[in-house]
Each structure stands twice: as structure tokens, then as C-alpha cells.
Full PDB file with SEQRES, HELIX, SHEET, SSBOND, CRYST1, ORIGX, SCALE, CONECT and MASTER records, all heavy atoms in Angstrom:
SEQRES   1 A   31  SER ILE ASP ARG HIS ASP GLY MET TRP TRP SER PRO GLY          
SEQRES   2 A   31  GLY ARG ARG LEU LEU ALA ALA ARG VAL ASP THR ALA PRO          
SEQRES   3 A   31  VAL GLN ARG TRP HIS                                          
SHEET    1 AA1 2 MET A   8  TRP A  10  0                                        
SHEET    2 AA1 2 LEU A  17  ALA A  19 -1                                        
CRYST1    1.000    1.000    1.000  90.00  90.00  90.00 P 1           1          
ORIGX1      1.000000  0.000000  0.000000        0.00000                         
ORIGX2      0.000000  1.000000  0.000000        0.00000                         
ORIGX3      0.000000  0.000000  1.000000        0.00000                         
SCALE1      1.000000  0.000000  0.000000        0.00000                         
SCALE2      0.000000  1.000000  0.000000        0.00000                         
SCALE3      0.000000  0.000000  1.000000        0.00000                         
ATOM      1  N   SER A   1     173.622 160.232 141.174  1.00  0.00           N  
ATOM      2  CA  SER A   1     175.017 160.374 141.343  1.00  0.00           C  
ATOM      3  C   SER A   1     175.784 159.079 141.443  1.00  0.00           C  
ATOM      4  O   SER A   1     176.924 158.986 140.942  1.00  0.00           O  
ATOM      5  CB  SER A   1     175.290 161.201 142.656  1.00  0.00           C  
ATOM      6  OG  SER A   1     176.641 161.344 142.965  1.00  0.00           O  
ATOM      7  N   ILE A   2     175.292 158.134 142.087  1.00  0.00           N  
ATOM      8  CA  ILE A   2     175.979 156.849 142.329  1.00  0.00           C  
ATOM      9  C   ILE A   2     175.944 155.923 141.107  1.00  0.00           C  
ATOM     10  O   ILE A   2     176.820 155.023 140.939  1.00  0.00           O  
ATOM     11  CB  ILE A   2     175.310 156.143 143.628  1.00  0.00           C  
ATOM     12  CG1 ILE A   2     175.630 156.902 144.865  1.00  0.00           C  
ATOM     13  CG2 ILE A   2     175.914 154.659 143.655  1.00  0.00           C  
ATOM     14  CD1 ILE A   2     174.896 156.351 146.039  1.00  0.00           C  
ATOM     15  N   ASP A   3     174.967 156.051 140.224  1.00  0.00           N  
ATOM     16  CA  ASP A   3     174.756 155.179 139.046  1.00  0.00           C  
ATOM     17  C   ASP A   3     174.337 153.847 139.383  1.00  0.00           C  
ATOM     18  O   ASP A   3     174.693 152.887 138.788  1.00  0.00           O  
ATOM     19  CB  ASP A   3     176.125 155.129 138.267  1.00  0.00           C  
ATOM     20  CG  ASP A   3     175.906 154.736 136.757  1.00  0.00           C  
ATOM     21  OD1 ASP A   3     174.762 154.971 136.269  1.00  0.00           O  
ATOM     22  OD2 ASP A   3     176.785 154.198 136.128  1.00  0.00           O  
ATOM     23  N   ARG A   4     173.501 153.771 140.502  1.00  0.00           N  
ATOM     24  CA  ARG A   4     172.793 152.518 140.746  1.00  0.00           C  
ATOM     25  C   ARG A   4     171.293 152.704 140.440  1.00  0.00           C  
ATOM     26  O   ARG A   4     170.637 153.636 141.084  1.00  0.00           O  
ATOM     27  CB  ARG A   4     172.957 152.161 142.168  1.00  0.00           C  
ATOM     28  CG  ARG A   4     172.101 150.888 142.552  1.00  0.00           C  
ATOM     29  CD  ARG A   4     172.413 150.495 144.049  1.00  0.00           C  
ATOM     30  NE  ARG A   4     172.026 151.515 145.011  1.00  0.00           N  
ATOM     31  CZ  ARG A   4     170.797 151.740 145.517  1.00  0.00           C  
ATOM     32  NH1 ARG A   4     169.819 151.070 145.023  1.00  0.00           N  
ATOM     33  NH2 ARG A   4     170.590 152.669 146.387  1.00  0.00           N  
ATOM     34  N   HIS A   5     170.724 151.999 139.547  1.00  0.00           N  
ATOM     35  CA  HIS A   5     169.404 152.204 139.147  1.00  0.00           C  
ATOM     36  C   HIS A   5     168.406 151.103 139.515  1.00  0.00           C  
ATOM     37  O   HIS A   5     167.159 151.134 139.088  1.00  0.00           O  
ATOM     38  CB  HIS A   5     169.358 152.421 137.601  1.00  0.00           C  
ATOM     39  CG  HIS A   5     170.136 153.617 137.174  1.00  0.00           C  
ATOM     40  ND1 HIS A   5     169.692 154.910 137.237  1.00  0.00           N  
ATOM     41  CD2 HIS A   5     171.427 153.697 136.746  1.00  0.00           C  
ATOM     42  CE1 HIS A   5     170.653 155.748 136.862  1.00  0.00           C  
ATOM     43  NE2 HIS A   5     171.706 155.040 136.530  1.00  0.00           N  
ATOM     44  N   ASP A   6     168.901 150.116 140.261  1.00  0.00           N  
ATOM     45  CA  ASP A   6     167.987 149.043 140.738  1.00  0.00           C  
ATOM     46  C   ASP A   6     167.847 149.094 142.250  1.00  0.00           C  
ATOM     47  O   ASP A   6     168.705 149.643 142.961  1.00  0.00           O  
ATOM     48  CB  ASP A   6     168.646 147.702 140.387  1.00  0.00           C  
ATOM     49  CG  ASP A   6     168.685 147.405 138.830  1.00  0.00           C  
ATOM     50  OD1 ASP A   6     167.756 147.946 138.130  1.00  0.00           O  
ATOM     51  OD2 ASP A   6     169.647 146.768 138.382  1.00  0.00           O  
ATOM     52  N   GLY A   7     166.721 148.489 142.677  1.00  0.00           N  
ATOM     53  CA  GLY A   7     166.468 148.425 144.168  1.00  0.00           C  
ATOM     54  C   GLY A   7     166.099 147.036 144.581  1.00  0.00           C  
ATOM     55  O   GLY A   7     165.745 146.846 145.758  1.00  0.00           O  
ATOM     56  N   MET A   8     166.225 146.066 143.676  1.00  0.00           N  
ATOM     57  CA  MET A   8     165.991 144.720 144.138  1.00  0.00           C  
ATOM     58  C   MET A   8     166.699 143.739 143.108  1.00  0.00           C  
ATOM     59  O   MET A   8     166.915 144.063 141.857  1.00  0.00           O  
ATOM     60  CB  MET A   8     164.458 144.376 144.043  1.00  0.00           C  
ATOM     61  CG  MET A   8     163.682 144.697 142.772  1.00  0.00           C  
ATOM     62  SD  MET A   8     162.009 144.372 142.937  1.00  0.00           S  
ATOM     63  CE  MET A   8     161.279 145.339 141.418  1.00  0.00           C  
ATOM     64  N   TRP A   9     167.102 142.555 143.692  1.00  0.00           N  
ATOM     65  CA  TRP A   9     167.857 141.650 142.931  1.00  0.00           C  
ATOM     66  C   TRP A   9     167.419 140.231 143.347  1.00  0.00           C  
ATOM     67  O   TRP A   9     167.470 139.769 144.477  1.00  0.00           O  
ATOM     68  CB  TRP A   9     169.381 141.876 143.344  1.00  0.00           C  
ATOM     69  CG  TRP A   9     169.902 143.180 143.071  1.00  0.00           C  
ATOM     70  CD1 TRP A   9     170.495 143.690 141.998  1.00  0.00           C  
ATOM     71  CD2 TRP A   9     169.755 144.355 143.951  1.00  0.00           C  
ATOM     72  NE1 TRP A   9     170.752 145.025 142.055  1.00  0.00           N  
ATOM     73  CE2 TRP A   9     170.364 145.448 143.272  1.00  0.00           C  
ATOM     74  CE3 TRP A   9     169.196 144.569 145.219  1.00  0.00           C  
ATOM     75  CZ2 TRP A   9     170.390 146.719 143.848  1.00  0.00           C  
ATOM     76  CZ3 TRP A   9     169.233 145.809 145.768  1.00  0.00           C  
ATOM     77  CH2 TRP A   9     169.868 146.899 145.167  1.00  0.00           C  
ATOM     78  N   TRP A  10     167.058 139.447 142.316  1.00  0.00           N  
ATOM     79  CA  TRP A  10     166.578 138.135 142.539  1.00  0.00           C  
ATOM     80  C   TRP A  10     167.717 137.162 142.879  1.00  0.00           C  
ATOM     81  O   TRP A  10     168.843 137.212 142.379  1.00  0.00           O  
ATOM     82  CB  TRP A  10     165.941 137.557 141.209  1.00  0.00           C  
ATOM     83  CG  TRP A  10     164.465 137.885 141.038  1.00  0.00           C  
ATOM     84  CD1 TRP A  10     164.000 138.880 140.131  1.00  0.00           C  
ATOM     85  CD2 TRP A  10     163.321 137.412 141.702  1.00  0.00           C  
ATOM     86  NE1 TRP A  10     162.632 138.909 140.135  1.00  0.00           N  
ATOM     87  CE2 TRP A  10     162.203 138.012 141.126  1.00  0.00           C  
ATOM     88  CE3 TRP A  10     163.136 136.495 142.726  1.00  0.00           C  
ATOM     89  CZ2 TRP A  10     160.906 137.734 141.570  1.00  0.00           C  
ATOM     90  CZ3 TRP A  10     161.885 136.105 143.153  1.00  0.00           C  
ATOM     91  CH2 TRP A  10     160.779 136.809 142.576  1.00  0.00           C  
ATOM     92  N   SER A  11     167.372 136.108 143.643  1.00  0.00           N  
ATOM     93  CA  SER A  11     168.360 134.983 143.898  1.00  0.00           C  
ATOM     94  C   SER A  11     168.268 134.161 142.601  1.00  0.00           C  
ATOM     95  O   SER A  11     167.317 134.135 141.839  1.00  0.00           O  
ATOM     96  CB  SER A  11     167.878 134.166 145.022  1.00  0.00           C  
ATOM     97  OG  SER A  11     166.709 133.495 144.798  1.00  0.00           O  
ATOM     98  N   PRO A  12     169.393 133.375 142.313  1.00  0.00           N  
ATOM     99  CA  PRO A  12     169.399 132.651 141.102  1.00  0.00           C  
ATOM    100  C   PRO A  12     168.236 131.667 141.004  1.00  0.00           C  
ATOM    101  O   PRO A  12     167.691 131.292 139.932  1.00  0.00           O  
ATOM    102  CB  PRO A  12     170.772 131.890 141.181  1.00  0.00           C  
ATOM    103  CG  PRO A  12     171.582 132.729 141.976  1.00  0.00           C  
ATOM    104  CD  PRO A  12     170.737 133.428 142.979  1.00  0.00           C  
ATOM    105  N   GLY A  13     167.779 131.095 142.140  1.00  0.00           N  
ATOM    106  CA  GLY A  13     166.682 130.151 142.162  1.00  0.00           C  
ATOM    107  C   GLY A  13     165.250 130.892 142.085  1.00  0.00           C  
ATOM    108  O   GLY A  13     164.302 130.094 141.973  1.00  0.00           O  
ATOM    109  N   GLY A  14     165.235 132.171 142.222  1.00  0.00           N  
ATOM    110  CA  GLY A  14     163.964 132.844 142.118  1.00  0.00           C  
ATOM    111  C   GLY A  14     163.113 132.656 143.331  1.00  0.00           C  
ATOM    112  O   GLY A  14     161.950 132.926 143.292  1.00  0.00           O  
ATOM    113  N   ARG A  15     163.710 132.193 144.498  1.00  0.00           N  
ATOM    114  CA  ARG A  15     162.922 132.034 145.716  1.00  0.00           C  
ATOM    115  C   ARG A  15     162.907 133.193 146.742  1.00  0.00           C  
ATOM    116  O   ARG A  15     162.194 133.277 147.594  1.00  0.00           O  
ATOM    117  CB  ARG A  15     163.361 130.724 146.450  1.00  0.00           C  
ATOM    118  CG  ARG A  15     163.231 129.531 145.546  1.00  0.00           C  
ATOM    119  CD  ARG A  15     161.882 129.214 145.163  1.00  0.00           C  
ATOM    120  NE  ARG A  15     160.983 129.009 146.236  1.00  0.00           N  
ATOM    121  CZ  ARG A  15     159.595 128.728 146.042  1.00  0.00           C  
ATOM    122  NH1 ARG A  15     159.094 128.648 144.838  1.00  0.00           N  
ATOM    123  NH2 ARG A  15     158.848 128.583 147.165  1.00  0.00           N  
ATOM    124  N   ARG A  16     164.009 134.039 146.563  1.00  0.00           N  
ATOM    125  CA  ARG A  16     164.165 135.120 147.484  1.00  0.00           C  
ATOM    126  C   ARG A  16     164.713 136.436 146.645  1.00  0.00           C  
ATOM    127  O   ARG A  16     165.150 136.283 145.620  1.00  0.00           O  
ATOM    128  CB  ARG A  16     165.125 134.788 148.546  1.00  0.00           C  
ATOM    129  CG  ARG A  16     164.609 133.794 149.548  1.00  0.00           C  
ATOM    130  CD  ARG A  16     165.580 133.492 150.709  1.00  0.00           C  
ATOM    131  NE  ARG A  16     166.668 132.702 150.344  1.00  0.00           N  
ATOM    132  CZ  ARG A  16     167.550 132.174 151.273  1.00  0.00           C  
ATOM    133  NH1 ARG A  16     167.349 132.504 152.521  1.00  0.00           N  
ATOM    134  NH2 ARG A  16     168.447 131.382 150.881  1.00  0.00           N  
ATOM    135  N   LEU A  17     164.518 137.488 147.331  1.00  0.00           N  
ATOM    136  CA  LEU A  17     164.964 138.743 146.793  1.00  0.00           C  
ATOM    137  C   LEU A  17     165.853 139.504 147.775  1.00  0.00           C  
ATOM    138  O   LEU A  17     165.548 139.503 148.969  1.00  0.00           O  
ATOM    139  CB  LEU A  17     163.782 139.676 146.380  1.00  0.00           C  
ATOM    140  CG  LEU A  17     162.992 139.355 145.146  1.00  0.00           C  
ATOM    141  CD1 LEU A  17     161.526 139.891 145.311  1.00  0.00           C  
ATOM    142  CD2 LEU A  17     163.679 140.038 143.917  1.00  0.00           C  
ATOM    143  N   LEU A  18     166.879 140.163 147.300  1.00  0.00           N  
ATOM    144  CA  LEU A  18     167.685 141.178 148.022  1.00  0.00           C  
ATOM    145  C   LEU A  18     167.009 142.446 147.654  1.00  0.00           C  
ATOM    146  O   LEU A  18     166.947 142.802 146.411  1.00  0.00           O  
ATOM    147  CB  LEU A  18     169.078 141.126 147.641  1.00  0.00           C  
ATOM    148  CG  LEU A  18     170.059 142.105 148.326  1.00  0.00           C  
ATOM    149  CD1 LEU A  18     170.193 141.903 149.803  1.00  0.00           C  
ATOM    150  CD2 LEU A  18     171.359 142.166 147.649  1.00  0.00           C  
ATOM    151  N   ALA A  19     166.447 143.227 148.617  1.00  0.00           N  
ATOM    152  CA  ALA A  19     165.645 144.356 148.275  1.00  0.00           C  
ATOM    153  C   ALA A  19     166.097 145.514 149.210  1.00  0.00           C  
ATOM    154  O   ALA A  19     166.436 145.353 150.404  1.00  0.00           O  
ATOM    155  CB  ALA A  19     164.151 144.130 148.476  1.00  0.00           C  
ATOM    156  N   ALA A  20     166.034 146.682 148.667  1.00  0.00           N  
ATOM    157  CA  ALA A  20     166.328 147.917 149.403  1.00  0.00           C  
ATOM    158  C   ALA A  20     165.013 148.479 149.980  1.00  0.00           C  
ATOM    159  O   ALA A  20     164.046 148.577 149.244  1.00  0.00           O  
ATOM    160  CB  ALA A  20     166.996 148.979 148.548  1.00  0.00           C  
ATOM    161  N   ARG A  21     165.108 148.839 151.284  1.00  0.00           N  
ATOM    162  CA  ARG A  21     164.040 149.626 151.850  1.00  0.00           C  
ATOM    163  C   ARG A  21     164.463 151.067 151.947  1.00  0.00           C  
ATOM    164  O   ARG A  21     165.615 151.313 152.503  1.00  0.00           O  
ATOM    165  CB  ARG A  21     163.708 149.063 153.265  1.00  0.00           C  
ATOM    166  CG  ARG A  21     162.656 149.915 154.008  1.00  0.00           C  
ATOM    167  CD  ARG A  21     162.560 149.414 155.469  1.00  0.00           C  
ATOM    168  NE  ARG A  21     161.581 150.238 156.244  1.00  0.00           N  
ATOM    169  CZ  ARG A  21     161.954 151.433 156.827  1.00  0.00           C  
ATOM    170  NH1 ARG A  21     163.170 151.965 156.755  1.00  0.00           N  
ATOM    171  NH2 ARG A  21     161.010 152.096 157.563  1.00  0.00           N  
ATOM    172  N   VAL A  22     163.756 152.039 151.402  1.00  0.00           N  
ATOM    173  CA  VAL A  22     164.172 153.437 151.423  1.00  0.00           C  
ATOM    174  C   VAL A  22     163.124 154.264 152.145  1.00  0.00           C  
ATOM    175  O   VAL A  22     161.965 154.206 151.814  1.00  0.00           O  
ATOM    176  CB  VAL A  22     164.279 153.935 149.934  1.00  0.00           C  
ATOM    177  CG1 VAL A  22     164.596 155.474 149.916  1.00  0.00           C  
ATOM    178  CG2 VAL A  22     165.420 153.156 149.229  1.00  0.00           C  
ATOM    179  N   ASP A  23     163.523 155.018 153.086  1.00  0.00           N  
ATOM    180  CA  ASP A  23     162.702 155.848 153.937  1.00  0.00           C  
ATOM    181  C   ASP A  23     163.146 157.283 153.706  1.00  0.00           C  
ATOM    182  O   ASP A  23     164.287 157.680 154.061  1.00  0.00           O  
ATOM    183  CB  ASP A  23     162.744 155.568 155.372  1.00  0.00           C  
ATOM    184  CG  ASP A  23     161.723 156.408 156.158  1.00  0.00           C  
ATOM    185  OD1 ASP A  23     161.021 157.199 155.611  1.00  0.00           O  
ATOM    186  OD2 ASP A  23     161.702 156.174 157.459  1.00  0.00           O  
ATOM    187  N   THR A  24     162.468 158.070 153.034  1.00  0.00           N  
ATOM    188  CA  THR A  24     162.822 159.490 152.732  1.00  0.00           C  
ATOM    189  C   THR A  24     162.269 160.479 153.794  1.00  0.00           C  
ATOM    190  O   THR A  24     162.419 161.645 153.549  1.00  0.00           O  
ATOM    191  CB  THR A  24     162.308 159.924 151.242  1.00  0.00           C  
ATOM    192  OG1 THR A  24     160.872 159.791 151.214  1.00  0.00           O  
ATOM    193  CG2 THR A  24     162.977 159.030 150.240  1.00  0.00           C  
ATOM    194  N   ALA A  25     161.728 160.007 154.800  1.00  0.00           N  
ATOM    195  CA  ALA A  25     161.160 160.905 155.825  1.00  0.00           C  
ATOM    196  C   ALA A  25     162.241 161.856 156.370  1.00  0.00           C  
ATOM    197  O   ALA A  25     161.917 163.037 156.636  1.00  0.00           O  
ATOM    198  CB  ALA A  25     160.603 160.138 156.967  1.00  0.00           C  
ATOM    199  N   PRO A  26     163.505 161.522 156.470  1.00  0.00           N  
ATOM    200  CA  PRO A  26     164.488 162.472 157.002  1.00  0.00           C  
ATOM    201  C   PRO A  26     164.917 163.500 156.007  1.00  0.00           C  
ATOM    202  O   PRO A  26     165.556 164.547 156.323  1.00  0.00           O  
ATOM    203  CB  PRO A  26     165.626 161.629 157.371  1.00  0.00           C  
ATOM    204  CG  PRO A  26     165.211 160.139 157.297  1.00  0.00           C  
ATOM    205  CD  PRO A  26     164.104 160.175 156.457  1.00  0.00           C  
ATOM    206  N   VAL A  27     164.504 163.322 154.726  1.00  0.00           N  
ATOM    207  CA  VAL A  27     165.052 164.227 153.650  1.00  0.00           C  
ATOM    208  C   VAL A  27     164.052 165.353 153.449  1.00  0.00           C  
ATOM    209  O   VAL A  27     162.862 165.229 153.428  1.00  0.00           O  
ATOM    210  CB  VAL A  27     165.140 163.370 152.332  1.00  0.00           C  
ATOM    211  CG1 VAL A  27     165.751 164.281 151.227  1.00  0.00           C  
ATOM    212  CG2 VAL A  27     165.986 162.144 152.568  1.00  0.00           C  
ATOM    213  N   GLN A  28     164.632 166.568 153.335  1.00  0.00           N  
ATOM    214  CA  GLN A  28     163.848 167.734 153.019  1.00  0.00           C  
ATOM    215  C   GLN A  28     163.182 167.596 151.667  1.00  0.00           C  
ATOM    216  O   GLN A  28     163.776 166.974 150.760  1.00  0.00           O  
ATOM    217  CB  GLN A  28     164.758 169.022 153.138  1.00  0.00           C  
ATOM    218  CG  GLN A  28     165.805 169.103 152.053  1.00  0.00           C  
ATOM    219  CD  GLN A  28     166.657 170.375 152.182  1.00  0.00           C  
ATOM    220  OE1 GLN A  28     166.413 171.218 153.028  1.00  0.00           O  
ATOM    221  NE2 GLN A  28     167.650 170.459 151.364  1.00  0.00           N  
ATOM    222  N   ARG A  29     162.028 168.199 151.499  1.00  0.00           N  
ATOM    223  CA  ARG A  29     161.288 168.114 150.244  1.00  0.00           C  
ATOM    224  C   ARG A  29     161.375 169.540 149.542  1.00  0.00           C  
ATOM    225  O   ARG A  29     161.264 170.485 150.129  1.00  0.00           O  
ATOM    226  CB  ARG A  29     159.854 167.814 150.546  1.00  0.00           C  
ATOM    227  CG  ARG A  29     159.688 166.408 151.221  1.00  0.00           C  
ATOM    228  CD  ARG A  29     158.261 165.937 151.101  1.00  0.00           C  
ATOM    229  NE  ARG A  29     157.854 165.463 149.783  1.00  0.00           N  
ATOM    230  CZ  ARG A  29     158.084 164.229 149.290  1.00  0.00           C  
ATOM    231  NH1 ARG A  29     158.720 163.369 150.019  1.00  0.00           N  
ATOM    232  NH2 ARG A  29     157.697 163.984 148.155  1.00  0.00           N  
ATOM    233  N   TRP A  30     161.703 169.327 148.215  1.00  0.00           N  
ATOM    234  CA  TRP A  30     161.724 170.502 147.354  1.00  0.00           C  
ATOM    235  C   TRP A  30     160.547 170.424 146.367  1.00  0.00           C  
ATOM    236  O   TRP A  30     159.883 169.327 146.228  1.00  0.00           O  
ATOM    237  CB  TRP A  30     163.042 170.614 146.622  1.00  0.00           C  
ATOM    238  CG  TRP A  30     164.173 171.032 147.484  1.00  0.00           C  
ATOM    239  CD1 TRP A  30     164.114 171.136 148.907  1.00  0.00           C  
ATOM    240  CD2 TRP A  30     165.517 171.444 147.098  1.00  0.00           C  
ATOM    241  NE1 TRP A  30     165.353 171.617 149.350  1.00  0.00           N  
ATOM    242  CE2 TRP A  30     166.160 171.858 148.307  1.00  0.00           C  
ATOM    243  CE3 TRP A  30     166.146 171.513 145.899  1.00  0.00           C  
ATOM    244  CZ2 TRP A  30     167.543 172.257 148.298  1.00  0.00           C  
ATOM    245  CZ3 TRP A  30     167.445 171.972 145.912  1.00  0.00           C  
ATOM    246  CH2 TRP A  30     168.144 172.390 147.012  1.00  0.00           C  
ATOM    247  N   HIS A  31     160.336 171.516 145.671  1.00  0.00           N  
ATOM    248  CA  HIS A  31     159.046 171.606 144.819  1.00  0.00           C  
ATOM    249  C   HIS A  31     159.458 172.208 143.511  1.00  0.00           C  
ATOM    250  O   HIS A  31     160.240 173.132 143.452  1.00  0.00           O  
ATOM    251  CB  HIS A  31     158.085 172.480 145.578  1.00  0.00           C  
ATOM    252  CG  HIS A  31     157.710 172.006 146.939  1.00  0.00           C  
ATOM    253  ND1 HIS A  31     156.669 171.209 147.213  1.00  0.00           N  
ATOM    254  CD2 HIS A  31     158.358 172.271 148.171  1.00  0.00           C  
ATOM    255  CE1 HIS A  31     156.594 170.999 148.531  1.00  0.00           C  
ATOM    256  NE2 HIS A  31     157.626 171.574 149.156  1.00  0.00           N  
TER     257      HIS A  31                                                      
MASTER        0    0    0    0    2    0    0    6  256    1    0    3          
END                                                                             
């Protein structure tokens, strides 16, 4: 829905990352 397909982004110098931590434990599971 949001149209965001990345979960990490390098710093220009390549020494660090901006990263998403995703915990789906609260989310109901479908099958």
C-alpha cells in the first residue's frame, strides 16, 4: 500500500546502514 519496497539504506561512505527492524508478532496470521 505505501509503495516502499526497501528496508535498508547505505550511508554515502558505506560505513553505516539505516535499517528497518520489523516485528510481525502483533499481526494476525492468515493462510
